[in-house]
Amino acid sequence: MKIKTKKITFEQFCALKPAKRKKLKKPSFLFQTLVRLLSVPDLVATRFSYTTSRMEKAGKGPYLILMNHSSFIDLKIASKIFYPKPYFIVCTSDGMVGKEWLMRKIGCIPTQKFVSDAALTRDMARAVKEKKVSVLLFPEAGYSFDGCATTLPRKLGQLVKMLNVPVVSVITSGAFLRQPLYNNLRLRKTKVSAHVSCLITKEEIAEKSIEELDGIIDGAFAFDNFKAQLETKTQITDPHRAEGLNRILYRCPACQTEHQTDGMGSTLVCRHCGKRYEMDVYGQLNATEGETEFPHVPLWYQWQRQCVKEELERGAYCLDLDVDIAVLTDYKALYWLGKGHLTHDISGFHLIGCDGKLDYRQSPTASYSLNSDYYWYEIGDIICIGNKQCLYYCFPKQKDIVTKARLAAEELYKLCKSGKINNQETPV
């Protein structure tokens, strides 16, 4: 999938007006039927099936539907499960570019990833209370990197209290294995399934605190796709199953060198020390010689997170990157502005471009996570920062840096909020 792009000057960018919020219109049954029909080939190819539990307690709706985000098949799965019932879909604003009319017909409510959006909360309330239509929300906001849940926002329980409708969870199995984000959108042959559950009833919403509701949601999103693959003996025989794995596993545990790993075929190799790991058909890594430090991908990923946290605590962390800059402010196109420079340290992000005319700073407490992505719209890996007025998409020249940036942003947020790192809010 690609996105419409256009080159503009900084002066033209300054003249652009942000997209206006539009009133909700009930999703078109015709277009939702079209989505359902277009979903059939992929669902047949993956032999999709689903199970349910406690759904008799959910009633007829509307619901708040919380679904994990693994691959492009997710919306097709939702269509299979809930059709012909209408539902709104909270989607990222870049998904509207060049096709806003179609996305709104389907029922999409646009928002910026990891940017506070009070208007979105009001739209969701109107959807369930006035329109009597369910809302589908991907609380992770982005696709999983390592097959485990992406960091969830706190106080989801507050949203649940405010909407006061049953919460239905949809947790998929096999969707990540079919098309993991790191693997350059390569499709693999595997079965996909889902479990649909009434996670929280209206009675439970009234009885439980926000913290307890958060705990229930966290429990539902405590999954590990690589672990499930091993336990169910699900084989991925694609000979290119380790291609792009360096995007996730960027630090070599043998020599501690960063950004020198390379995933090719079924092998991950460190170009600095030569250590090689073979990914078997069950998704486990085995060193071809010597010790296998982390046979399980999520364990390697968590080790990298701890390394980044230690760098932050020592004051040693700093990303200093040359980037290409694109901006998104309306839904007409993604606008290319040219080259720039992005830094990230304990003071947050600082982006400079357009011969110094663009100078944007973002506090480390502006968001609990970071919109970083691999092979975004088939352009490249990105680090995205910004606010309600504009999003800045930075395409680093350096290899395999966006995972570390996300880990650092998440850990820095927690350290600042806990007071372990003192940081003054930076105006944006």
Protein backbone atom coordinates (compact mmCIF):
# COMPACT_ATOMS: atom_id res chain seq x y z
CA MET A 1 0.00 0.00 0.00
CA LYS A 2 1.29 3.45 -0.91
CA ILE A 3 0.45 7.05 -0.01
CA LYS A 4 0.01 10.14 -2.17
CA THR A 5 3.02 12.47 -1.87
CA LYS A 6 3.91 15.97 -3.04
CA LYS A 7 7.02 18.18 -2.80
CA ILE A 8 6.48 21.67 -1.40
CA THR A 9 8.52 24.58 -0.04
CA PHE A 10 8.57 25.60 3.61
CA GLU A 11 6.53 28.69 2.76
CA GLN A 12 3.87 26.54 1.08
CA PHE A 13 3.86 24.29 4.14
CA CYS A 14 3.24 27.27 6.43
CA ALA A 15 0.22 28.22 4.33
CA LEU A 16 -1.43 24.81 4.73
CA LYS A 17 -4.39 24.53 7.05
CA PRO A 18 -4.85 21.50 9.30
CA ALA A 19 -7.69 19.15 8.43
CA LYS A 20 -10.97 20.12 10.06
CA ARG A 21 -12.85 17.81 12.38
CA LYS A 22 -16.05 16.61 10.71
CA LYS A 23 -19.33 15.51 12.19
CA LEU A 24 -19.83 11.79 12.51
CA LYS A 25 -21.99 10.10 9.94
CA LYS A 26 -23.17 6.54 10.43
CA PRO A 27 -21.03 4.07 8.45
CA SER A 28 -22.43 3.18 5.04
CA PHE A 29 -23.89 -0.34 4.95
CA LEU A 30 -23.01 -0.52 1.24
CA PHE A 31 -19.33 0.26 1.82
CA GLN A 32 -19.09 -1.99 4.87
CA THR A 33 -20.53 -4.76 2.70
CA LEU A 34 -17.86 -4.01 0.10
CA VAL A 35 -15.14 -4.33 2.77
CA ARG A 36 -16.66 -7.63 3.86
CA LEU A 37 -16.61 -8.99 0.30
CA LEU A 38 -13.05 -7.81 -0.35
CA SER A 39 -11.95 -9.52 2.87
CA VAL A 40 -13.04 -12.98 1.75
CA PRO A 41 -9.94 -14.04 -0.27
CA ASP A 42 -7.46 -13.39 2.58
CA LEU A 43 -9.72 -14.96 5.19
CA VAL A 44 -10.13 -18.07 3.04
CA ALA A 45 -6.37 -18.21 2.37
CA THR A 46 -5.65 -18.14 6.12
CA ARG A 47 -8.51 -20.55 6.99
CA PHE A 48 -9.72 -17.93 9.44
CA SER A 49 -11.91 -18.99 12.35
CA TYR A 50 -12.86 -17.49 15.68
CA THR A 51 -14.22 -18.47 19.07
CA THR A 52 -16.26 -16.46 21.57
CA SER A 53 -16.76 -16.28 25.30
CA ARG A 54 -19.17 -14.33 27.54
CA MET A 55 -20.69 -12.57 24.51
CA GLU A 56 -24.17 -13.23 25.86
CA LYS A 57 -23.29 -10.72 28.60
CA ALA A 58 -22.47 -8.01 26.04
CA GLY A 59 -26.01 -7.64 24.74
CA LYS A 60 -26.80 -6.27 21.30
CA GLY A 61 -24.44 -3.31 21.56
CA PRO A 62 -23.13 -0.79 21.00
CA TYR A 63 -19.69 -1.88 22.26
CA LEU A 64 -16.20 -0.52 22.66
CA ILE A 65 -14.22 -3.09 20.66
CA LEU A 66 -10.55 -3.39 21.62
CA MET A 67 -8.44 -5.31 19.11
CA ASN A 68 -4.74 -6.10 19.01
CA HIS A 69 -2.83 -4.80 15.99
CA SER A 70 -0.65 -7.30 14.14
CA SER A 71 -0.97 -6.87 10.37
CA PHE A 72 -3.10 -5.58 7.50
CA ILE A 73 -5.53 -8.48 7.89
CA ASP A 74 -6.88 -7.06 11.18
CA LEU A 75 -9.66 -4.97 9.61
CA LYS A 76 -10.70 -7.91 7.45
CA ILE A 77 -10.99 -10.02 10.58
CA ALA A 78 -13.14 -7.38 12.27
CA SER A 79 -15.40 -7.26 9.22
CA LYS A 80 -15.90 -11.03 9.36
CA ILE A 81 -16.72 -11.01 13.07
CA PHE A 82 -19.05 -8.02 13.34
CA TYR A 83 -20.72 -7.67 9.92
CA PRO A 84 -23.53 -6.71 9.33
CA LYS A 85 -23.50 -4.63 12.54
CA PRO A 86 -22.15 -1.13 11.85
CA TYR A 87 -19.08 0.13 13.71
CA PHE A 88 -16.80 3.14 13.61
CA ILE A 89 -13.05 2.57 13.30
CA VAL A 90 -10.51 4.80 15.03
CA CYS A 91 -7.74 5.11 12.43
CA THR A 92 -4.48 6.96 12.02
CA SER A 93 -4.72 10.23 10.09
CA ASP A 94 -2.28 9.13 7.38
CA GLY A 95 -4.79 6.43 6.40
CA MET A 96 -7.12 9.21 5.20
CA VAL A 97 -4.67 10.73 2.71
CA GLY A 98 -6.07 10.77 -0.83
CA LYS A 99 -9.14 8.74 0.11
CA GLU A 100 -10.87 10.64 2.90
CA TRP A 101 -14.36 10.24 1.42
CA LEU A 102 -13.99 6.46 1.19
CA MET A 103 -12.56 6.06 4.69
CA ARG A 104 -15.40 8.10 6.18
CA LYS A 105 -17.96 5.98 4.31
CA ILE A 106 -16.43 2.90 5.93
CA GLY A 107 -16.75 4.60 9.32
CA CYS A 108 -13.21 5.79 10.05
CA ILE A 109 -12.59 8.42 12.73
CA PRO A 110 -9.11 9.89 12.13
CA THR A 111 -6.64 10.75 14.89
CA GLN A 112 -2.90 11.36 15.22
CA LYS A 113 -0.93 8.52 16.77
CA PHE A 114 0.41 9.22 20.26
CA VAL A 115 -0.94 12.79 20.28
CA SER A 116 -3.50 13.80 22.92
CA ASP A 117 -6.88 14.16 21.21
CA ALA A 118 -9.83 15.24 23.36
CA ALA A 119 -11.99 15.58 20.23
CA LEU A 120 -11.54 11.87 19.55
CA THR A 121 -12.98 11.04 22.96
CA ARG A 122 -15.99 13.24 22.23
CA ASP A 123 -16.46 11.56 18.83
CA MET A 124 -16.37 8.11 20.43
CA ALA A 125 -18.94 9.22 23.00
CA ARG A 126 -21.24 10.52 20.23
CA ALA A 127 -20.82 7.26 18.33
CA VAL A 128 -22.02 5.00 21.15
CA LYS A 129 -24.48 7.37 22.88
CA GLU A 130 -26.07 9.30 20.01
CA LYS A 131 -25.53 7.08 16.98
CA LYS A 132 -25.83 3.84 18.99
CA VAL A 133 -22.94 2.42 16.94
CA SER A 134 -19.96 0.44 18.26
CA VAL A 135 -16.40 1.78 18.06
CA LEU A 136 -13.40 -0.34 17.06
CA LEU A 137 -10.19 0.85 18.70
CA PHE A 138 -6.65 -0.52 18.41
CA PRO A 139 -5.32 0.59 21.82
CA GLU A 140 -1.73 -0.29 20.88
CA ALA A 141 -2.03 2.40 18.14
CA GLY A 142 0.76 0.74 16.11
CA TYR A 143 1.65 -2.71 14.87
CA SER A 144 3.57 -4.97 17.23
CA PHE A 145 7.33 -5.04 16.61
CA ASP A 146 8.28 -8.17 18.58
CA GLY A 147 5.01 -10.09 18.55
CA CYS A 148 4.01 -8.88 22.03
CA ALA A 149 1.64 -6.06 22.88
CA THR A 150 2.87 -2.55 22.12
CA THR A 151 2.83 -0.24 25.16
CA LEU A 152 -0.76 0.62 26.07
CA PRO A 153 -1.88 4.08 27.21
CA ARG A 154 -2.76 4.50 30.86
CA LYS A 155 -6.31 5.32 31.95
CA LEU A 156 -8.04 3.35 29.21
CA GLY A 157 -10.28 2.50 32.14
CA GLN A 158 -11.26 6.18 32.28
CA LEU A 159 -12.42 5.98 28.66
CA VAL A 160 -14.37 2.81 29.48
CA LYS A 161 -16.09 4.58 32.38
CA MET A 162 -16.97 7.56 30.23
CA LEU A 163 -18.42 5.54 27.34
CA ASN A 164 -20.22 3.16 29.72
CA VAL A 165 -20.82 0.42 27.14
CA PRO A 166 -19.66 -3.22 27.24
CA VAL A 167 -16.04 -3.76 26.23
CA VAL A 168 -15.44 -6.53 23.70
CA SER A 169 -11.90 -7.75 23.07
CA VAL A 170 -10.64 -9.32 19.83
CA ILE A 171 -7.25 -11.00 20.20
CA THR A 172 -5.84 -12.60 17.07
CA SER A 173 -3.50 -15.54 16.72
CA GLY A 174 -1.42 -16.11 13.61
CA ALA A 175 -1.95 -12.64 12.11
CA PHE A 176 1.50 -11.50 13.28
CA LEU A 177 3.14 -14.68 11.97
CA ARG A 178 1.46 -14.24 8.60
CA GLN A 179 2.87 -10.75 8.02
CA PRO A 180 5.23 -9.43 10.71
CA LEU A 181 6.04 -5.77 10.26
CA TYR A 182 9.83 -6.30 10.20
CA ASN A 183 9.60 -8.68 7.22
CA ASN A 184 8.97 -6.05 4.49
CA LEU A 185 5.25 -6.91 4.27
CA ARG A 186 6.06 -10.44 3.04
CA LEU A 187 3.03 -12.73 3.23
CA ARG A 188 3.52 -16.19 4.74
CA LYS A 189 1.32 -19.25 4.72
CA THR A 190 -0.24 -19.82 8.14
CA LYS A 191 -3.62 -20.21 9.78
CA VAL A 192 -5.18 -17.17 11.47
CA SER A 193 -7.75 -17.22 14.25
CA ALA A 194 -9.20 -14.89 16.87
CA HIS A 195 -10.90 -15.03 20.24
CA VAL A 196 -13.78 -12.63 20.84
CA SER A 197 -14.83 -11.99 24.42
CA CYS A 198 -17.03 -9.68 26.43
CA LEU A 199 -14.13 -8.39 28.45
CA ILE A 200 -16.06 -5.98 30.68
CA THR A 201 -19.83 -5.74 31.17
CA LYS A 202 -21.73 -2.55 32.04
CA GLU A 203 -22.21 -3.89 35.57
CA GLU A 204 -18.46 -4.46 35.94
CA ILE A 205 -17.76 -0.95 34.67
CA ALA A 206 -19.85 0.44 37.52
CA GLU A 207 -18.28 -1.83 40.14
CA LYS A 208 -14.60 -1.47 39.28
CA SER A 209 -12.12 1.38 39.59
CA ILE A 210 -10.22 2.87 36.65
CA GLU A 211 -7.10 1.05 37.82
CA GLU A 212 -8.93 -2.27 37.95
CA LEU A 213 -10.34 -1.75 34.47
CA ASP A 214 -6.84 -0.93 33.20
CA GLY A 215 -5.63 -4.18 34.76
CA ILE A 216 -8.30 -6.21 32.97
CA ILE A 217 -7.35 -4.66 29.62
CA ASP A 218 -3.64 -5.21 30.28
CA GLY A 219 -4.36 -8.86 31.01
CA ALA A 220 -6.22 -9.29 27.73
CA PHE A 221 -3.24 -7.84 25.84
CA ALA A 222 -0.63 -10.02 27.56
CA PHE A 223 0.19 -12.11 24.50
CA ASP A 224 3.39 -13.39 22.90
CA ASN A 225 3.11 -14.53 19.30
CA PHE A 226 6.57 -16.14 19.18
CA LYS A 227 5.83 -18.11 22.35
CA ALA A 228 2.48 -19.23 20.96
CA GLN A 229 4.17 -20.28 17.73
CA LEU A 230 6.57 -22.52 19.65
CA GLU A 231 3.92 -23.97 21.95
CA THR A 232 1.54 -24.81 19.09
CA LYS A 233 4.39 -26.04 16.86
CA THR A 234 3.28 -23.69 14.11
CA GLN A 235 5.84 -23.93 11.31
CA ILE A 236 6.85 -20.93 9.21
CA THR A 237 8.86 -22.52 6.43
CA ASP A 238 9.31 -19.33 4.37
CA PRO A 239 13.03 -19.30 3.51
CA HIS A 240 13.11 -15.52 4.07
CA ARG A 241 11.60 -15.62 7.59
CA ALA A 242 14.53 -13.71 9.14
CA GLU A 243 14.68 -11.01 6.48
CA GLY A 244 14.50 -7.61 8.17
CA LEU A 245 14.82 -9.09 11.68
CA ASN A 246 17.71 -6.65 12.20
CA ARG A 247 15.08 -3.92 12.46
CA ILE A 248 13.92 -5.37 15.80
CA LEU A 249 17.17 -6.97 17.00
CA TYR A 250 19.60 -4.15 16.32
CA ARG A 251 22.08 -4.81 19.16
CA CYS A 252 24.39 -7.84 19.14
CA PRO A 253 24.42 -9.58 22.55
CA ALA A 254 27.80 -11.13 21.78
CA CYS A 255 29.84 -7.97 21.06
CA GLN A 256 27.34 -5.27 22.20
CA THR A 257 27.64 -3.44 18.86
CA GLU A 258 24.52 -1.68 17.61
CA HIS A 259 23.08 -1.39 14.10
CA GLN A 260 25.39 -3.98 12.55
CA THR A 261 23.02 -6.95 12.54
CA ASP A 262 21.62 -8.13 9.22
CA GLY A 263 18.68 -10.47 8.64
CA MET A 264 18.95 -12.50 5.44
CA GLY A 265 16.99 -15.59 4.50
CA SER A 266 16.61 -17.50 7.75
CA THR A 267 19.79 -16.10 9.34
CA LEU A 268 20.58 -13.09 11.54
CA VAL A 269 24.28 -12.16 11.50
CA CYS A 270 26.34 -9.46 13.25
CA ARG A 271 28.60 -7.81 10.67
CA HIS A 272 30.91 -6.57 13.44
CA CYS A 273 31.82 -9.82 15.21
CA GLY A 274 30.46 -12.43 12.80
CA LYS A 275 28.10 -14.11 15.26
CA ARG A 276 25.31 -15.91 13.39
CA TYR A 277 21.88 -17.05 14.49
CA GLU A 278 19.52 -19.31 12.57
CA MET A 279 15.76 -18.77 12.93
CA ASP A 280 14.09 -22.18 12.92
CA VAL A 281 10.60 -22.92 11.61
CA TYR A 282 9.18 -22.33 15.11
CA GLY A 283 10.53 -18.76 15.33
CA GLN A 284 13.38 -19.55 17.74
CA LEU A 285 16.95 -18.30 17.28
CA ASN A 286 19.92 -20.63 17.61
CA ALA A 287 23.58 -19.58 17.38
CA THR A 288 25.46 -21.52 14.72
CA GLU A 289 28.53 -21.43 17.01
CA GLY A 290 28.88 -20.70 20.72
CA GLU A 291 26.21 -19.57 23.18
CA THR A 292 22.67 -18.66 22.17
CA GLU A 293 22.09 -15.64 24.39
CA PHE A 294 18.44 -15.09 23.51
CA PRO A 295 16.65 -17.86 21.63
CA HIS A 296 13.35 -16.01 22.08
CA VAL A 297 12.92 -12.77 20.06
CA PRO A 298 10.90 -10.88 22.75
CA LEU A 299 13.61 -11.63 25.35
CA TRP A 300 16.25 -10.12 23.06
CA TYR A 301 13.94 -7.12 22.52
CA GLN A 302 13.42 -6.64 26.28
CA TRP A 303 17.18 -6.86 26.86
CA GLN A 304 17.63 -4.00 24.38
CA ARG A 305 15.00 -2.01 26.27
CA GLN A 306 16.95 -2.46 29.51
CA CYS A 307 20.17 -1.39 27.76
CA VAL A 308 18.49 1.81 26.54
CA LYS A 309 17.10 2.51 30.01
CA GLU A 310 20.60 2.19 31.49
CA GLU A 311 21.97 4.58 28.85
CA LEU A 312 19.30 7.12 29.79
CA GLU A 313 20.04 6.80 33.50
CA ARG A 314 23.76 7.33 32.85
CA GLY A 315 23.06 10.32 30.61
CA ALA A 316 24.78 8.51 27.74
CA TYR A 317 21.83 8.19 25.37
CA CYS A 318 21.68 10.38 22.28
CA LEU A 319 20.45 9.88 18.73
CA ASP A 320 21.88 12.28 16.18
CA LEU A 321 20.44 11.65 12.74
CA ASP A 322 20.32 13.07 9.25
CA VAL A 323 16.77 12.61 7.97
CA ASP A 324 14.46 13.30 5.08
CA ILE A 325 11.40 15.22 6.31
CA ALA A 326 7.78 14.83 5.24
CA VAL A 327 4.82 16.49 6.94
CA LEU A 328 1.14 15.68 7.29
CA THR A 329 -1.31 18.42 8.16
CA ASP A 330 -4.32 17.78 5.90
CA TYR A 331 -5.63 14.72 4.08
CA LYS A 332 -4.65 15.77 0.56
CA ALA A 333 -1.08 14.43 0.53
CA LEU A 334 2.06 13.68 2.47
CA TYR A 335 4.28 16.68 1.77
CA TRP A 336 8.04 16.37 1.28
CA LEU A 337 10.02 19.27 2.74
CA GLY A 338 13.56 18.04 2.10
CA LYS A 339 16.50 17.18 4.31
CA GLY A 340 16.89 17.86 8.01
CA HIS A 341 18.49 16.81 11.27
CA LEU A 342 16.87 15.05 14.23
CA THR A 343 18.31 14.65 17.72
CA HIS A 344 16.85 12.77 20.68
CA ASP A 345 18.22 12.86 24.23
CA ILE A 346 16.90 13.38 27.75
CA SER A 347 15.56 16.81 26.75
CA GLY A 348 13.34 15.20 24.08
CA PHE A 349 13.27 15.50 20.30
CA HIS A 350 14.66 18.40 18.29
CA LEU A 351 14.06 18.59 14.53
CA ILE A 352 15.73 21.17 12.30
CA GLY A 353 15.21 21.52 8.55
CA CYS A 354 14.51 23.80 5.60
CA ASP A 355 17.72 25.80 6.15
CA GLY A 356 16.78 26.43 9.77
CA LYS A 357 13.26 27.66 9.03
CA LEU A 358 11.81 24.51 10.57
CA ASP A 359 12.72 24.20 14.24
CA TYR A 360 10.51 21.88 16.27
CA ARG A 361 11.05 20.59 19.81
CA GLN A 362 9.06 17.93 21.64
CA SER A 363 9.20 17.26 25.35
CA PRO A 364 9.94 13.69 26.55
CA THR A 365 6.64 13.76 28.46
CA ALA A 366 4.59 14.78 25.41
CA SER A 367 3.71 11.13 24.77
CA TYR A 368 4.09 7.76 26.50
CA SER A 369 5.34 6.20 23.24
CA LEU A 370 6.61 7.04 19.77
CA ASN A 371 5.14 6.55 16.33
CA SER A 372 7.94 4.60 14.69
CA ASP A 373 7.38 2.18 11.86
CA TYR A 374 9.12 -0.08 9.35
CA TYR A 375 8.82 0.27 5.56
CA TRP A 376 6.06 2.83 6.08
CA TYR A 377 3.83 2.97 2.97
CA GLU A 378 6.68 1.22 1.15
CA ILE A 379 8.85 4.35 1.52
CA GLY A 380 11.11 3.53 4.45
CA ASP A 381 11.45 3.31 8.22
CA ILE A 382 10.16 6.35 10.10
CA ILE A 383 10.25 8.28 13.34
CA CYS A 384 7.16 10.50 13.58
CA ILE A 385 6.76 13.35 16.06
CA GLY A 386 4.38 16.29 16.14
CA ASN A 387 1.20 17.76 17.54
CA LYS A 388 -2.42 18.47 16.59
CA GLN A 389 -1.40 20.97 13.94
CA CYS A 390 1.21 18.90 12.12
CA LEU A 391 3.01 15.56 12.14
CA TYR A 392 6.68 15.38 11.11
CA TYR A 393 7.71 12.12 9.46
CA CYS A 394 11.45 11.67 9.68
CA PHE A 395 13.13 9.06 7.47
CA PRO A 396 16.57 8.38 9.00
CA LYS A 397 19.62 7.90 6.81
CA GLN A 398 21.06 5.59 9.48
CA LYS A 399 20.15 1.91 9.40
CA ASP A 400 17.80 0.28 11.92
CA ILE A 401 17.45 3.20 14.33
CA VAL A 402 13.68 3.53 14.77
CA THR A 403 13.27 0.65 17.23
CA LYS A 404 15.82 2.13 19.62
CA ALA A 405 14.11 5.52 19.30
CA ARG A 406 10.76 4.03 20.34
CA LEU A 407 12.28 2.13 23.27
CA ALA A 408 14.10 5.27 24.40
CA ALA A 409 10.99 7.44 24.12
CA GLU A 410 8.98 5.00 26.22
CA GLU A 411 11.64 4.56 28.90
CA LEU A 412 12.43 8.28 29.04
CA TYR A 413 8.74 9.05 29.54
CA LYS A 414 8.58 6.65 32.49
CA LEU A 415 11.81 7.98 34.02
CA CYS A 416 10.60 11.59 33.74
CA LYS A 417 7.17 10.79 35.16
CA SER A 418 8.72 8.91 38.09
CA GLY A 419 11.10 11.79 38.81
CA LYS A 420 14.22 9.71 38.20
CA ILE A 421 15.13 12.10 35.41
CA ASN A 422 14.33 15.77 35.90
CA ASN A 423 13.17 17.47 32.77
CA GLN A 424 11.44 20.77 32.19
CA GLU A 425 8.51 20.78 29.79
CA THR A 426 9.62 22.13 26.44
CA PRO A 427 7.18 24.36 24.56
CA VAL A 428 6.08 22.91 21.22
